[in-house]
Every structure is written in structure tokens, then in C-alpha cells.
């Protein structure tokens, strides 16, 4: 096996000038080097080159993260972009946000839970040709390039990247998390044939007829323009009403996220946002907020009117039915519906991608937090799998959220 040496780099950013790579070992033919910068522009060319190999979510999009850091006013000192090189060629990029959560110094993804999946930007071919030991040394070297902290916490990393699995297995300690659900079809005809039974078509038709009996139904895809602002406002009002009825905290409002999604839907954002809108007598009754990256559409947010008069027509389901037709009749090959199981994903999704949490403890406190967080995740998983326990806990949780709805819990 070729010898690979990776040494710890100085954590003082002043010693890593302008994101230039610092050699780890020039004596080896297969050597790693690493660079670290606060400035996303320093790594933009590398990012876009790696992005062309394929991404798993908008959270890996350079334009999406540039907009996120700008609209969320994330200070440059808390932005970290670590690049790993092999023989001077970039093979991996970690974009990380430094936070302090309840006294724990943490490096993590920028958008948090607002996108279904995340992963490092990588040269897939280069990582596939590495041994597990070499990949471990790559990730360890990138982690050591960061300044002192307690933990690197990377949520929702797919176990597979494209047609490759296991590329991130050596990235810290893994904890199985959730499942990502996608629809992938060559055409609407294929989707319709494989996902809808005769009885299902009949049911969809009956719901559509009930909705059409209430007025004129119109569906359209709206791209960035003057109309998007009011549509996004309506979508968030509908979501807030739904959250309130269910006793759930409205994190979009509490965490001030609405402004980001408004900016992303503007023509100059660099993000390809497409809104699917269902109207009844010109009034918006359902919205889906999507981001397109290459041939994949990612549904990030959906909403539906709470008007009881129209619930018999299932505007949310009718909107999604039209979305699926529009998506697979067009240039989109994959429709990503995010993580976590729902009825609509059961109805439409034919691809499931397991996700993992990745933890890299950087201190004794980080190791303790890792053990605690893993226990919490396992406990949550057992509760979700037990319907009786879920029913027993639902009311107390709703009561808690109603009482503390305005309290922001960063954890």
C-alpha cells in the first residue's frame, strides 16, 4: 500500500494565506495537503468543479450557501471552508459553520435541518480509488485544520453518493438517522403506471371533482419574478396556520428564515427556485417551494389552505398530483421529497436513501456530547417506531410547544 502521511496543520488562519494549500508531506508520492479559509470566494472555483460531479441537495450548492451566509448575516469569522488535496489536486471540500450551542463549540453544516441531506463536496473517482485508511487520513487531516472546538457534527449524510457507497464511512463516528425519499422515473407515464393503481386513480379523480365543484381550479409553475414574493408570503401564512392548529413551533418564523426563502426566489439570487401553485377561483390553496439543481428538483417546503370548506377536495394532494405530471413531463429526472416518512412519500417515492449523522469529537466535552446525542437519537427512533408511545406523548408535546412556542431552542 502506498504510504500516506497527513500531519496536523496550524490552526491560526493567519498562517494559511488566502486559502492556499499547505503541504502535509512532500516526501510521499501520495500526499495530502489542506487549506482553510473564511472566504467562500477563495474556494468557489474548486466548489463549482466538484459540484459538477453531482450533489445530493441544495445544501451542497455554492450559490445556495453563498446566499444563505449573506442573508443570514453569518460573520466571516464563523465561516470555515476546508479543502483536502492529493498531490495538489483538490479532492474534498467541507463548508462549515462555527456555532456555540449551550456552551458547546461546534462545527456543522450551514442550513441545519432546512434541507433534506448534506455531504462534503468530493471528487468521487479520487475517493473511490483510496483505501479506507487513506480516506480516514483525509478526513482527519481536514478536521485537524480547524481551530480548537468540541465537535464536528454533520447531519443527514447519504450512505451512497451517486453509484458509490461508503465514501464517507471513515468520516468520524456514524449513527443511522433517517431515510431520504425520492421519485425517479423516465416519464410521467412510467410514474403513473408504477405508482398509481386503478383504485388510486379513481380516488384522485373523485377528489379532483370535489375540488372543481367548488370553483375554477388552476395550476402553474412560477419561476423567479415579480409574482414570487406574494406567493411565498401566502405559503408561509398557510404553514403558520397549520403549525398553530397542530401545536407545533413555527421554526421558519422563530429562526427568521422567511427572508432567505424570499431572496432565493428572486431573479438575481443564483438559485433556481420554482414554485408550484394551485389556485381555486384565483385564490392560492396549495404551494410547493422547489429548488432545481441540474436534473433534480428538491421540494423544500409545502403548504395548504386550512379552509375547512375545501378540505374534501384535498388541495394538497391535488397539487402534488399535478406537480408529478409537470415534473416528469419536463426535463426533471428526479424529484426529491426530503427526509422522513409521510403518506405522500409512500404514494410517490420509489427510491430510498439511508442517511447518517457523522460526529467527529475534538475534545473530551465533544466526546461526551457525542454519546449523549446518540442516546437521544436512538430514544427518538424507538419512540417513533412505537405507535402507542407516540400517541401517549403527542398531547404533552403539543402542550409544551403551545406554552413555549415563542422560545427558540438552538439545540
Protein backbone atom coordinates (compact mmCIF):
# COMPACT_ATOMS: atom_id res chain seq x y z
CA UNK A 1 0.00 0.00 0.00
CA UNK A 2 1.21 3.46 -0.80
CA UNK A 3 2.23 5.33 2.33
CA UNK A 4 0.08 8.35 3.12
CA UNK A 5 1.12 10.88 5.71
CA UNK A 6 -1.15 13.64 6.98
CA UNK A 7 0.07 15.94 9.72
CA UNK A 8 -1.83 18.44 11.82
CA UNK A 9 -1.80 21.91 10.37
CA UNK A 10 -1.52 25.13 12.35
CA UNK A 11 -4.94 26.33 13.42
CA UNK A 12 -4.03 30.02 13.13
CA UNK A 13 -5.73 31.21 9.97
CA UNK A 14 -3.08 33.83 9.56
CA UNK A 15 -0.68 31.02 8.68
CA UNK A 16 -2.95 29.71 5.93
CA UNK A 17 -2.84 32.57 3.47
CA UNK A 18 -5.71 33.17 1.05
CA UNK A 19 -6.87 29.57 1.16
CA UNK A 20 -3.59 28.30 -0.38
CA UNK A 21 -2.86 24.61 0.28
CA UNK A 22 -0.36 23.78 3.00
CA UNK A 23 1.64 20.63 2.24
CA UNK A 24 1.23 17.73 4.65
CA UNK A 25 4.15 15.65 3.42
CA UNK A 26 6.16 16.30 0.27
CA UNK A 27 8.21 13.13 0.69
CA UNK A 28 5.33 10.85 -0.35
CA UNK A 29 4.04 10.35 -3.89
CA UNK A 30 0.52 10.04 -2.42
CA UNK A 31 0.45 13.05 -0.13
CA UNK A 32 -2.33 15.10 1.37
CA UNK A 33 -2.34 18.82 1.86
CA UNK A 34 -5.04 21.08 3.24
CA UNK A 35 -6.22 24.66 3.06
CA UNK A 36 -8.52 26.68 5.28
CA UNK A 37 -10.24 30.00 4.64
CA UNK A 38 -13.10 32.15 5.95
CA UNK A 39 -13.90 33.43 2.45
CA UNK A 40 -16.17 31.37 0.19
CA UNK A 41 -14.81 33.17 -2.88
CA UNK A 42 -11.40 31.63 -2.18
CA UNK A 43 -12.81 28.14 -2.80
CA UNK A 44 -15.57 28.98 -5.28
CA UNK A 45 -13.74 27.63 -8.34
CA UNK A 46 -12.95 24.38 -6.52
CA UNK A 47 -16.51 24.13 -5.21
CA UNK A 48 -18.10 24.56 -8.63
CA UNK A 49 -15.77 21.99 -10.18
CA UNK A 50 -16.62 19.39 -7.53
CA UNK A 51 -20.31 20.32 -7.69
CA UNK A 52 -20.41 19.31 -11.36
CA UNK A 53 -19.81 15.70 -10.31
CA UNK A 54 -23.25 15.68 -8.70
CA UNK A 55 -24.76 16.79 -5.42
CA UNK A 56 -27.29 15.33 -3.01
CA UNK A 57 -29.12 18.53 -2.05
CA UNK A 58 -29.15 22.32 -2.45
CA UNK A 59 -27.09 22.38 0.76
CA UNK A 60 -24.12 21.43 -1.44
CA UNK A 61 -24.81 24.19 -3.97
CA UNK A 62 -22.30 27.04 -3.94
CA UNK A 63 -24.96 29.59 -4.92
CA UNK A 64 -27.35 28.34 -2.24
CA UNK A 65 -24.73 28.61 0.53
CA UNK A 66 -23.45 31.99 -0.69
CA UNK A 67 -26.99 33.32 -0.43
CA UNK A 68 -27.52 31.62 2.94
CA UNK A 69 -24.43 33.13 4.53
CA UNK A 70 -25.26 36.57 3.14
CA UNK A 71 -28.95 36.73 4.08
CA UNK A 72 -28.37 35.06 7.46
CA UNK A 73 -25.59 37.56 8.24
CA UNK A 74 -23.12 34.85 9.23
CA UNK A 75 -19.89 36.57 10.22
CA UNK A 76 -16.86 35.57 8.11
CA UNK A 77 -15.02 34.53 11.29
CA UNK A 78 -17.65 31.79 11.74
CA UNK A 79 -17.43 30.53 8.15
CA UNK A 80 -14.86 27.80 7.51
CA UNK A 81 -14.05 26.21 4.16
CA UNK A 82 -11.59 23.32 4.38
CA UNK A 83 -10.16 21.74 1.24
CA UNK A 84 -8.27 18.47 1.08
CA UNK A 85 -5.79 17.91 -1.76
CA UNK A 86 -3.99 14.86 -3.13
CA UNK A 87 -0.71 15.78 -4.82
CA UNK A 88 -2.01 19.35 -5.11
CA UNK A 89 -5.36 18.39 -6.69
CA UNK A 90 -8.49 19.22 -4.65
CA UNK A 91 -10.49 16.09 -3.80
CA UNK A 92 -12.76 17.21 -0.93
CA UNK A 93 -14.35 20.38 0.42
CA UNK A 94 -16.06 20.84 3.79
CA UNK A 95 -18.10 24.07 4.18
CA UNK A 96 -18.69 24.50 7.91
CA UNK A 97 -20.47 26.95 10.20
CA UNK A 98 -18.94 27.52 13.65
CA UNK A 99 -21.53 27.83 16.40
CA UNK A 100 -21.73 27.77 20.17
CA UNK A 101 -24.76 25.74 21.30
CA UNK A 102 -25.34 25.71 25.06
CA UNK A 103 -21.63 26.19 25.62
CA UNK A 104 -20.55 23.51 23.14
CA UNK A 105 -18.19 24.77 20.41
CA UNK A 106 -19.49 23.18 17.24
CA UNK A 107 -18.73 22.95 13.53
CA UNK A 108 -21.70 21.92 11.40
CA UNK A 109 -23.46 22.47 8.06
CA UNK A 110 -24.79 25.94 7.31
CA UNK A 111 -28.55 25.38 6.70
CA UNK A 112 -29.19 22.87 9.52
CA UNK A 113 -32.43 20.90 9.16
CA UNK A 114 -33.75 23.05 6.31
CA UNK A 115 -32.51 20.76 3.54
CA UNK A 116 -33.08 17.01 3.38
CA UNK A 117 -29.45 15.88 3.07
CA UNK A 118 -25.88 17.12 3.05
CA UNK A 119 -22.44 15.78 2.22
CA UNK A 120 -18.90 17.02 1.64
CA UNK A 121 -18.14 18.10 -1.93
CA UNK A 122 -15.83 15.40 -3.29
CA UNK A 123 -14.03 14.09 -6.34
CA UNK A 124 -15.91 10.78 -6.41
CA UNK A 125 -13.37 8.99 -8.59
CA UNK A 126 -10.45 10.02 -6.39
CA UNK A 127 -12.15 8.89 -3.19
CA UNK A 128 -13.24 5.59 -4.74
CA UNK A 129 -9.59 4.80 -5.52
CA UNK A 130 -8.49 5.50 -1.95
CA UNK A 131 -8.28 2.78 0.66
CA UNK A 132 -10.40 3.17 3.82
CA UNK A 133 -7.21 4.11 5.70
CA UNK A 134 -6.41 6.83 3.17
CA UNK A 135 -9.92 8.26 3.34
CA UNK A 136 -9.70 8.26 7.14
CA UNK A 137 -6.44 10.20 6.96
CA UNK A 138 -8.00 12.67 4.53
CA UNK A 139 -10.91 13.42 6.86
CA UNK A 140 -8.68 13.51 9.93
CA UNK A 141 -6.34 15.96 8.24
CA UNK A 142 -9.25 18.23 7.29
CA UNK A 143 -10.58 18.11 10.86
CA UNK A 144 -7.16 18.95 12.29
CA UNK A 145 -7.00 22.02 10.03
CA UNK A 146 -9.79 23.63 12.07
CA UNK A 147 -9.24 25.81 15.15
CA UNK A 148 -10.00 24.35 18.60
CA UNK A 149 -13.60 23.24 19.18
CA UNK A 150 -15.53 20.41 20.81
CA UNK A 151 -17.26 18.63 17.97
CA UNK A 152 -17.85 18.43 14.23
CA UNK A 153 -21.49 17.44 13.77
CA UNK A 154 -22.61 16.57 10.22
CA UNK A 155 -26.26 15.63 9.97
CA UNK A 156 -28.12 13.79 7.21
CA UNK A 157 -25.22 12.46 5.13
CA UNK A 158 -26.30 9.86 2.50
CA UNK A 159 -24.70 6.46 2.78
CA UNK A 160 -24.47 6.45 -1.02
CA UNK A 161 -23.16 9.13 -3.38
CA UNK A 162 -24.30 8.59 -6.95
CA UNK A 163 -23.49 4.96 -7.68
CA UNK A 164 -20.84 4.86 -4.96
CA UNK A 165 -21.35 3.78 -1.37
CA UNK A 166 -19.13 4.07 1.66
CA UNK A 167 -17.14 7.14 0.62
CA UNK A 168 -17.92 8.83 3.97
CA UNK A 169 -17.74 5.77 6.23
CA UNK A 170 -14.41 6.91 7.66
CA UNK A 171 -15.66 10.43 8.41
CA UNK A 172 -15.92 10.23 12.20
CA UNK A 173 -18.47 8.13 14.11
CA UNK A 174 -21.68 7.23 12.26
CA UNK A 175 -25.22 7.00 13.62
CA UNK A 176 -28.08 5.85 11.32
CA UNK A 177 -30.58 8.70 11.18
CA UNK A 178 -33.47 8.91 8.73
CA UNK A 179 -34.31 7.98 5.17
CA UNK A 180 -34.39 10.31 2.16
CA UNK A 181 -37.30 9.73 -0.25
CA UNK A 182 -37.16 10.38 -3.98
CA UNK A 183 -39.19 9.76 -7.11
CA UNK A 184 -37.11 8.80 -10.13
CA UNK A 185 -38.83 7.99 -13.42
CA UNK A 186 -38.16 8.35 -17.14
CA UNK A 187 -41.60 9.89 -17.78
CA UNK A 188 -44.96 10.66 -16.23
CA UNK A 189 -46.39 7.60 -17.97
CA UNK A 190 -43.88 5.37 -16.16
CA UNK A 191 -44.54 7.11 -12.84
CA UNK A 192 -48.31 6.81 -13.27
CA UNK A 193 -48.12 3.14 -14.26
CA UNK A 194 -45.85 2.10 -11.41
CA UNK A 195 -47.20 4.24 -8.58
CA UNK A 196 -50.95 4.51 -9.14
CA UNK A 197 -53.34 1.58 -9.02
CA UNK A 198 -56.78 1.63 -10.59
CA UNK A 199 -58.42 2.39 -7.24
CA UNK A 200 -55.87 5.13 -6.56
CA UNK A 201 -56.65 6.83 -9.87
CA UNK A 202 -60.35 6.65 -9.08
CA UNK A 203 -59.77 8.18 -5.65
CA UNK A 204 -57.65 11.01 -7.11
CA UNK A 205 -60.30 11.68 -9.74
CA UNK A 206 -63.08 11.87 -7.14
CA UNK A 207 -61.11 14.32 -5.01
CA UNK A 208 -60.37 16.40 -8.09
CA UNK A 209 -64.06 16.52 -8.98
CA UNK A 210 -64.97 17.67 -5.46
CA UNK A 211 -62.40 20.47 -5.69
CA UNK A 212 -63.54 21.53 -9.17
CA UNK A 213 -67.14 21.64 -7.92
CA UNK A 214 -66.10 24.49 -5.61
CA UNK A 215 -64.80 26.74 -8.40
CA UNK A 216 -62.22 27.18 -11.15
CA UNK A 217 -59.04 25.20 -10.43
CA UNK A 218 -55.77 26.39 -11.92
CA UNK A 219 -52.22 25.00 -11.56
CA UNK A 220 -48.98 26.58 -12.71
CA UNK A 221 -45.22 26.55 -12.21
CA UNK A 222 -43.92 30.01 -11.32
CA UNK A 223 -40.25 30.91 -11.72
CA UNK A 224 -38.36 33.84 -10.25
CA UNK A 225 -40.14 37.10 -10.93
CA UNK A 226 -42.38 39.81 -9.55
CA UNK A 227 -45.10 37.35 -8.54
CA UNK A 228 -42.98 35.07 -6.37
CA UNK A 229 -42.87 37.35 -3.32
CA UNK A 230 -46.60 37.31 -2.69
CA UNK A 231 -46.78 33.55 -3.32
CA UNK A 232 -44.04 32.85 -0.78
CA UNK A 233 -45.79 35.12 1.74
CA UNK A 234 -49.01 33.14 1.28
CA UNK A 235 -47.15 29.85 1.64
CA UNK A 236 -45.67 30.85 5.00
CA UNK A 237 -49.02 32.18 6.26
CA UNK A 238 -50.59 28.82 5.42
CA UNK A 239 -47.79 26.97 7.18
CA UNK A 240 -48.06 29.16 10.28
CA UNK A 241 -51.79 28.45 10.49
CA UNK A 242 -51.12 24.73 10.16
CA UNK A 243 -48.40 24.78 12.83
CA UNK A 244 -50.65 26.67 15.23
CA UNK A 245 -53.51 24.19 14.76
CA UNK A 246 -51.14 21.28 15.45
CA UNK A 247 -49.40 22.91 18.42
CA UNK A 248 -46.04 22.89 16.62
CA UNK A 249 -43.39 25.61 16.84
CA UNK A 250 -43.10 27.62 13.62
CA UNK A 251 -39.33 27.44 13.20
CA UNK A 252 -39.45 29.41 9.95
CA UNK A 253 -40.68 32.45 11.88
CA UNK A 254 -38.83 31.82 15.15
CA UNK A 255 -35.48 31.40 13.40
CA UNK A 256 -36.10 34.23 10.91
CA UNK A 257 -35.84 32.02 7.82
CA UNK A 258 -38.59 33.60 5.72
CA UNK A 259 -36.29 36.31 4.40
CA UNK A 260 -33.85 33.75 2.99
CA UNK A 261 -36.55 31.94 1.01
CA UNK A 262 -37.87 35.26 -0.28
CA UNK A 263 -34.40 36.25 -1.50
CA UNK A 264 -33.79 32.84 -3.07
CA UNK A 265 -36.94 33.22 -5.19
CA UNK A 266 -35.71 36.48 -6.73
CA UNK A 267 -34.22 36.55 -10.28
CA UNK A 268 -30.75 37.64 -9.14
CA UNK A 269 -30.32 35.04 -6.37
CA UNK A 270 -28.36 32.48 -8.41
CA UNK A 271 -30.72 29.78 -7.09
CA UNK A 272 -33.18 28.11 -9.48
CA UNK A 273 -36.39 28.31 -7.45
CA UNK A 274 -39.63 27.02 -8.94
CA UNK A 275 -42.98 27.38 -7.20
CA UNK A 276 -45.86 25.02 -7.92
CA UNK A 277 -49.10 26.82 -7.19
CA UNK A 278 -52.68 25.51 -7.07
CA UNK A 279 -55.45 28.11 -7.12
CA UNK A 280 -59.18 27.91 -6.58
CA UNK A 281 -61.05 30.87 -8.07
CA UNK A 282 -57.68 32.68 -8.25
CA UNK A 283 -57.02 32.17 -4.53
CA UNK A 284 -53.90 30.17 -3.63
CA UNK A 285 -54.86 26.93 -1.87
CA UNK A 286 -51.57 24.98 -2.08
CA UNK A 287 -47.92 25.79 -2.76
CA UNK A 288 -44.71 23.79 -3.18
CA UNK A 289 -41.35 25.56 -2.98
CA UNK A 290 -38.69 23.76 -5.01
CA UNK A 291 -35.03 24.24 -5.90
CA UNK A 292 -33.64 22.72 -9.10
CA UNK A 293 -30.03 21.57 -9.42
CA UNK A 294 -29.26 20.04 -12.82
CA UNK A 295 -31.89 17.32 -13.45
CA UNK A 296 -33.10 17.05 -9.84
CA UNK A 297 -35.89 19.04 -8.23
CA UNK A 298 -35.79 19.34 -4.43
CA UNK A 299 -39.05 20.12 -2.66
CA UNK A 300 -38.08 22.14 0.41
CA UNK A 301 -41.43 23.47 1.66
CA UNK A 302 -45.10 22.78 1.03
CA UNK A 303 -48.27 24.42 2.29
CA UNK A 304 -52.03 24.08 2.01
CA UNK A 305 -55.01 26.22 2.90
CA UNK A 306 -56.66 25.43 6.24
CA UNK A 307 -60.09 26.48 4.94
CA UNK A 308 -62.40 23.61 6.02
CA UNK A 309 -64.69 24.31 3.06
CA UNK A 310 -62.17 22.89 0.59
CA UNK A 311 -60.64 20.03 2.56
CA UNK A 312 -62.89 17.47 0.89
CA UNK A 313 -61.13 18.28 -2.36
CA UNK A 314 -57.69 17.60 -0.81
CA UNK A 315 -55.92 20.60 -2.38
CA UNK A 316 -52.53 19.41 -1.13
CA UNK A 317 -52.85 16.01 -2.80
CA UNK A 318 -54.31 17.53 -5.95
CA UNK A 319 -51.40 19.97 -6.12
CA UNK A 320 -48.87 17.15 -5.73
CA UNK A 321 -50.59 15.07 -8.43
CA UNK A 322 -50.19 17.95 -10.87
CA UNK A 323 -46.60 18.51 -9.69
CA UNK A 324 -45.67 14.91 -10.52
CA UNK A 325 -47.17 15.26 -14.00
CA UNK A 326 -45.35 18.54 -14.63
CA UNK A 327 -42.02 17.27 -13.27
CA UNK A 328 -41.80 14.04 -15.26
CA UNK A 329 -43.30 15.51 -18.42
CA UNK A 330 -40.45 18.04 -18.34
CA UNK A 331 -36.67 17.90 -18.06
CA UNK A 332 -36.57 16.70 -14.45
CA UNK A 333 -35.46 13.12 -13.83
CA UNK A 334 -35.51 13.03 -10.01
CA UNK A 335 -37.97 14.62 -7.59
CA UNK A 336 -36.53 14.74 -4.06
CA UNK A 337 -39.19 14.94 -1.35
CA UNK A 338 -36.84 15.12 1.61
CA UNK A 339 -36.23 13.02 4.70
CA UNK A 340 -38.80 11.45 7.00
CA UNK A 341 -41.70 9.19 6.11
CA UNK A 342 -45.12 10.58 5.13
CA UNK A 343 -48.13 9.23 3.26
CA UNK A 344 -47.34 11.26 0.15
CA UNK A 345 -43.84 9.78 0.03
CA UNK A 346 -45.30 6.30 0.39
CA UNK A 347 -47.57 7.02 -2.57
CA UNK A 348 -45.00 8.55 -4.91
CA UNK A 349 -41.41 7.66 -4.00
CA UNK A 350 -39.60 4.64 -5.45
CA UNK A 351 -36.09 5.46 -4.18
CA UNK A 352 -34.96 5.42 -0.56
CA UNK A 353 -31.54 6.65 0.55
CA UNK A 354 -30.39 5.92 4.13
CA UNK A 355 -28.93 8.90 5.97
CA UNK A 356 -26.40 9.00 8.80
CA UNK A 357 -25.28 11.51 11.39
CA UNK A 358 -21.50 11.93 11.46
CA UNK A 359 -19.67 13.03 14.59
CA UNK A 360 -16.00 13.96 14.95
CA UNK A 361 -15.22 14.70 18.63
CA UNK A 362 -12.43 17.23 19.02
CA UNK A 363 -12.33 17.36 22.84
CA UNK A 364 -13.41 15.41 25.93
CA UNK A 365 -16.55 17.52 26.08
CA UNK A 366 -17.23 16.73 22.41
CA UNK A 367 -16.95 13.00 23.14
CA UNK A 368 -19.48 13.38 25.97
CA UNK A 369 -21.86 15.35 23.74
CA UNK A 370 -21.48 12.68 21.05
CA UNK A 371 -22.50 9.90 23.45
CA UNK A 372 -25.46 11.91 24.75
CA UNK A 373 -26.71 12.93 21.32
CA UNK A 374 -26.51 9.37 20.02
CA UNK A 375 -28.56 8.16 23.00
CA UNK A 376 -31.18 10.84 22.32
CA UNK A 377 -31.36 9.86 18.63
CA UNK A 378 -31.77 6.17 19.48
CA UNK A 379 -34.50 7.01 22.00
CA UNK A 380 -36.35 9.14 19.45
CA UNK A 381 -36.13 6.28 16.95
CA UNK A 382 -37.66 3.83 19.43
CA UNK A 383 -40.47 6.26 20.25
CA UNK A 384 -41.28 6.87 16.57
CA UNK A 385 -41.40 3.11 15.97
CA UNK A 386 -43.88 2.62 18.83
CA UNK A 387 -47.32 3.94 17.83
CA UNK A 388 -48.78 3.59 21.34
CA UNK A 389 -45.91 5.61 22.83
CA UNK A 390 -46.26 8.23 20.09
CA UNK A 391 -49.96 8.66 20.88
CA UNK A 392 -49.24 8.91 24.60
CA UNK A 393 -46.60 11.61 24.10
CA UNK A 394 -48.34 13.65 21.41
CA UNK A 395 -50.57 15.69 23.73
CA UNK A 396 -47.84 16.60 26.27
CA UNK A 397 -45.52 17.63 23.42
CA UNK A 398 -48.23 19.78 21.83
CA UNK A 399 -48.96 21.43 25.19
CA UNK A 400 -45.25 22.13 25.71
CA UNK A 401 -44.96 23.68 22.24
CA UNK A 402 -48.02 25.88 22.79
CA UNK A 403 -46.63 27.19 26.07
CA UNK A 404 -43.11 27.76 24.75
CA UNK A 405 -43.92 28.41 21.09
CA UNK A 406 -42.00 31.68 21.12
CA UNK A 407 -38.89 30.22 22.71
CA UNK A 408 -36.00 29.46 20.38
CA UNK A 409 -34.17 26.26 21.35
CA UNK A 410 -30.99 26.24 19.29
CA UNK A 411 -30.30 22.60 20.16
